[in-house]
Amino acid sequence: MLGADLIGVAVFAASGASAGVIKRLDLFGVAFVGFIAALGGGIVRDLVIGAVPPLAFADWRYAVTAVVTSLAVFWFHPQLSKLRRPVLVLDAAGLGLFTVTGTLKALDAGVPAVGSCLIGMLTAIGGGLARDMLMGEVPVVLRRDIYAVVALAGAIIVTILRGLSLDSVWALAATALFITGVRLVALYRRWSAPVAAP
């Protein structure tokens, strides 16, 4: 589970660092945005449920993975720009994984069902929200993209599974795969949430 978690951290760090490179930030700026994109959601989750210090600071492997990935993107971004499609797939996988783990951690901390669903969603999308705000942009998850809705739906499924005592490793893995699959289909079919008419 730790290995999968660190892969998710690396993917989100790469997305944040890539945004920093596009905005022409310096080395520190790229590393900082990558760190926030990768670990921001988890930090918010841990602070909300009272798990201090947050895991991002308590376990050095998380911070090192985020920073090293961000630095790699800074130095090798011309070559990495060709890997956009694999990164989108990994990003979708990270969304599924972080939704499941975030929701479970909130439930284990005694947070009620509705709150756990929201915390699970925030764990998955929080880093992206922070990344876009640091870049001076309206967060992607608040626009047409089918992203936060998928995470919230996944968090609800995890909460229901826990309530029915059906939260086996296989059921949780299937939920993460469901979230990942819906996100990828939404990207492929260009699904979007409705927006208000002008």
Protein backbone atom coordinates (compact mmCIF):
# COMPACT_ATOMS: atom_id res chain seq x y z
CA MET A 1 0.00 0.00 0.00
CA LEU A 2 2.88 2.35 0.78
CA GLY A 3 4.35 1.79 -2.67
CA ALA A 4 1.04 2.57 -4.37
CA ASP A 5 0.65 5.65 -2.17
CA LEU A 6 4.10 6.93 -3.13
CA ILE A 7 3.35 6.35 -6.82
CA GLY A 8 0.27 8.54 -6.42
CA VAL A 9 2.39 11.19 -4.69
CA ALA A 10 4.89 11.11 -7.55
CA VAL A 11 2.17 11.45 -10.20
CA PHE A 12 0.52 14.43 -8.53
CA ALA A 13 3.94 16.00 -7.89
CA ALA A 14 4.67 15.67 -11.61
CA SER A 15 1.41 17.40 -12.51
CA GLY A 16 2.15 20.27 -10.13
CA ALA A 17 5.74 20.63 -11.24
CA SER A 18 4.65 20.62 -14.89
CA ALA A 19 2.29 23.50 -14.18
CA GLY A 20 5.16 25.36 -12.52
CA VAL A 21 7.43 24.79 -15.52
CA ILE A 22 4.75 26.11 -17.88
CA LYS A 23 4.44 29.26 -15.71
CA ARG A 24 8.24 29.69 -15.84
CA LEU A 25 8.78 29.34 -12.09
CA ASP A 26 12.29 28.91 -10.76
CA LEU A 27 13.62 25.65 -9.33
CA PHE A 28 12.29 26.29 -5.83
CA GLY A 29 8.91 27.38 -7.18
CA VAL A 30 8.54 24.22 -9.27
CA ALA A 31 9.50 22.02 -6.31
CA PHE A 32 7.12 23.87 -3.99
CA VAL A 33 4.14 23.63 -6.35
CA GLY A 34 4.90 19.96 -6.94
CA PHE A 35 5.03 19.32 -3.19
CA ILE A 36 1.72 21.08 -2.60
CA ALA A 37 0.01 19.31 -5.52
CA ALA A 38 1.17 15.92 -4.26
CA LEU A 39 0.60 16.31 -0.54
CA GLY A 40 -1.82 19.19 -0.06
CA GLY A 41 -4.93 17.02 0.06
CA GLY A 42 -3.39 14.62 2.57
CA ILE A 43 -2.22 17.47 4.78
CA VAL A 44 -5.73 18.96 4.86
CA ARG A 45 -7.20 15.53 5.64
CA ASP A 46 -4.82 14.89 8.54
CA LEU A 47 -5.36 18.34 10.03
CA VAL A 48 -9.14 17.97 9.83
CA ILE A 49 -9.16 14.59 11.58
CA GLY A 50 -6.54 15.64 14.13
CA ALA A 51 -3.75 13.36 12.89
CA VAL A 52 -0.79 15.56 13.70
CA PRO A 53 1.83 15.92 12.50
CA PRO A 54 0.39 15.17 9.05
CA LEU A 55 1.78 12.09 7.35
CA ALA A 56 3.50 14.30 4.77
CA PHE A 57 5.75 15.58 7.56
CA ALA A 58 5.84 12.50 9.80
CA ASP A 59 7.12 10.12 7.10
CA TRP A 60 10.09 11.53 5.18
CA ARG A 61 9.44 9.28 2.18
CA TYR A 62 6.39 11.28 1.14
CA ALA A 63 8.14 14.64 1.09
CA VAL A 64 11.26 13.24 -0.58
CA THR A 65 9.20 11.51 -3.29
CA ALA A 66 7.31 14.73 -4.05
CA VAL A 67 10.42 16.91 -4.16
CA VAL A 68 12.60 14.50 -6.15
CA THR A 69 9.81 14.02 -8.71
CA SER A 70 9.35 17.77 -9.02
CA LEU A 71 13.08 18.32 -9.55
CA ALA A 72 13.12 15.58 -12.19
CA VAL A 73 10.29 17.32 -14.04
CA PHE A 74 12.18 20.63 -13.83
CA TRP A 75 15.33 19.18 -15.40
CA PHE A 76 13.78 16.74 -17.87
CA HIS A 77 10.51 18.46 -18.83
CA PRO A 78 11.22 18.53 -22.60
CA GLN A 79 11.40 14.72 -22.65
CA LEU A 80 8.53 14.28 -20.17
CA SER A 81 6.19 16.41 -22.26
CA LYS A 82 5.84 13.40 -24.57
CA LEU A 83 4.35 11.33 -21.73
CA ARG A 84 1.12 13.30 -21.35
CA ARG A 85 -1.19 10.32 -21.91
CA PRO A 86 0.52 7.98 -19.40
CA VAL A 87 0.55 10.79 -16.84
CA LEU A 88 -3.21 11.29 -17.29
CA VAL A 89 -3.76 7.57 -16.71
CA LEU A 90 -1.60 7.62 -13.58
CA ASP A 91 -3.34 10.77 -12.40
CA ALA A 92 -6.69 8.99 -12.68
CA ALA A 93 -5.24 6.05 -10.75
CA GLY A 94 -3.99 8.43 -8.07
CA LEU A 95 -7.45 9.97 -7.85
CA GLY A 96 -8.96 6.55 -7.16
CA LEU A 97 -6.33 5.54 -4.65
CA PHE A 98 -6.34 8.79 -2.68
CA THR A 99 -10.15 8.87 -2.58
CA VAL A 100 -10.28 5.40 -1.04
CA THR A 101 -7.44 5.89 1.44
CA GLY A 102 -8.63 9.35 2.46
CA THR A 103 -12.17 8.17 3.11
CA LEU A 104 -10.98 5.16 5.10
CA LYS A 105 -8.67 7.26 7.23
CA ALA A 106 -11.52 9.65 8.05
CA LEU A 107 -13.85 6.75 8.94
CA ASP A 108 -11.16 5.16 11.11
CA ALA A 109 -10.80 8.48 12.94
CA GLY A 110 -14.50 8.40 13.84
CA VAL A 111 -15.67 11.06 11.42
CA PRO A 112 -19.39 10.61 10.53
CA ALA A 113 -20.30 9.28 7.10
CA VAL A 114 -21.02 12.57 5.35
CA GLY A 115 -17.89 14.19 6.70
CA SER A 116 -15.79 11.17 5.71
CA CYS A 117 -17.10 11.38 2.14
CA LEU A 118 -16.13 15.04 1.94
CA ILE A 119 -12.72 14.38 3.46
CA GLY A 120 -12.13 11.52 1.02
CA MET A 121 -12.95 13.81 -1.89
CA LEU A 122 -10.75 16.61 -0.54
CA THR A 123 -7.85 14.20 -0.07
CA ALA A 124 -8.01 13.35 -3.76
CA ILE A 125 -8.57 16.84 -5.19
CA GLY A 126 -7.03 19.11 -2.56
CA GLY A 127 -3.56 19.15 -4.08
CA GLY A 128 -4.93 20.05 -7.50
CA LEU A 129 -7.01 22.86 -6.00
CA ALA A 130 -3.95 24.30 -4.27
CA ARG A 131 -1.83 23.91 -7.42
CA ASP A 132 -4.28 25.82 -9.60
CA MET A 133 -4.74 28.59 -7.04
CA LEU A 134 -0.97 29.01 -6.72
CA MET A 135 -0.85 29.30 -10.51
CA GLY A 136 -3.53 32.01 -10.44
CA GLU A 137 -6.11 29.91 -12.26
CA VAL A 138 -9.66 28.80 -11.54
CA PRO A 139 -9.18 25.23 -10.25
CA VAL A 140 -9.89 22.59 -12.87
CA VAL A 141 -12.16 20.73 -10.45
CA LEU A 142 -14.46 23.75 -10.25
CA ARG A 143 -14.87 24.01 -13.99
CA ARG A 144 -16.36 21.49 -16.42
CA ASP A 145 -13.99 18.64 -15.69
CA ILE A 146 -15.50 15.41 -14.31
CA TYR A 147 -13.04 15.01 -11.46
CA ALA A 148 -14.36 16.01 -8.05
CA VAL A 149 -17.74 14.38 -8.77
CA VAL A 150 -16.03 11.06 -9.45
CA ALA A 151 -14.03 11.33 -6.23
CA LEU A 152 -17.15 12.13 -4.22
CA ALA A 153 -19.02 9.19 -5.73
CA GLY A 154 -16.12 6.90 -4.90
CA ALA A 155 -15.99 8.19 -1.32
CA ILE A 156 -19.71 7.45 -0.95
CA ILE A 157 -19.17 3.89 -2.19
CA VAL A 158 -16.33 3.35 0.30
CA THR A 159 -18.50 4.67 3.13
CA ILE A 160 -21.38 2.36 2.18
CA LEU A 161 -19.03 -0.63 1.97
CA ARG A 162 -17.69 0.15 5.43
CA GLY A 163 -21.22 0.52 6.81
CA LEU A 164 -22.17 -2.91 5.41
CA SER A 165 -18.90 -4.47 6.62
CA LEU A 166 -18.02 -5.28 3.01
CA ASP A 167 -14.84 -3.22 2.93
CA SER A 168 -12.46 -6.04 2.01
CA VAL A 169 -9.22 -5.28 0.22
CA TRP A 170 -10.76 -6.54 -3.01
CA ALA A 171 -13.87 -4.40 -2.68
CA LEU A 172 -11.79 -1.30 -1.94
CA ALA A 173 -9.47 -2.06 -4.85
CA ALA A 174 -12.49 -2.45 -7.11
CA THR A 175 -13.76 0.93 -5.93
CA ALA A 176 -10.42 2.57 -6.72
CA LEU A 177 -10.50 0.95 -10.17
CA PHE A 178 -14.07 2.18 -10.69
CA ILE A 179 -13.05 5.76 -9.90
CA THR A 180 -10.05 5.46 -12.20
CA GLY A 181 -12.14 3.98 -15.00
CA VAL A 182 -14.87 6.61 -14.84
CA ARG A 183 -12.26 9.36 -14.86
CA LEU A 184 -10.55 7.89 -17.93
CA VAL A 185 -13.83 7.40 -19.78
CA ALA A 186 -14.78 11.00 -18.96
CA LEU A 187 -11.49 12.18 -20.45
CA TYR A 188 -11.88 10.01 -23.54
CA ARG A 189 -15.49 10.99 -24.19
CA ARG A 190 -14.94 14.61 -23.10
CA TRP A 191 -17.73 14.46 -20.54
CA SER A 192 -18.28 17.64 -18.58
CA ALA A 193 -20.54 18.89 -15.84
CA PRO A 194 -23.30 21.32 -16.85
CA VAL A 195 -22.61 25.04 -16.57
CA ALA A 196 -25.03 27.92 -16.13
CA ALA A 197 -26.35 29.51 -19.31
CA PRO A 198 -24.98 33.02 -20.02
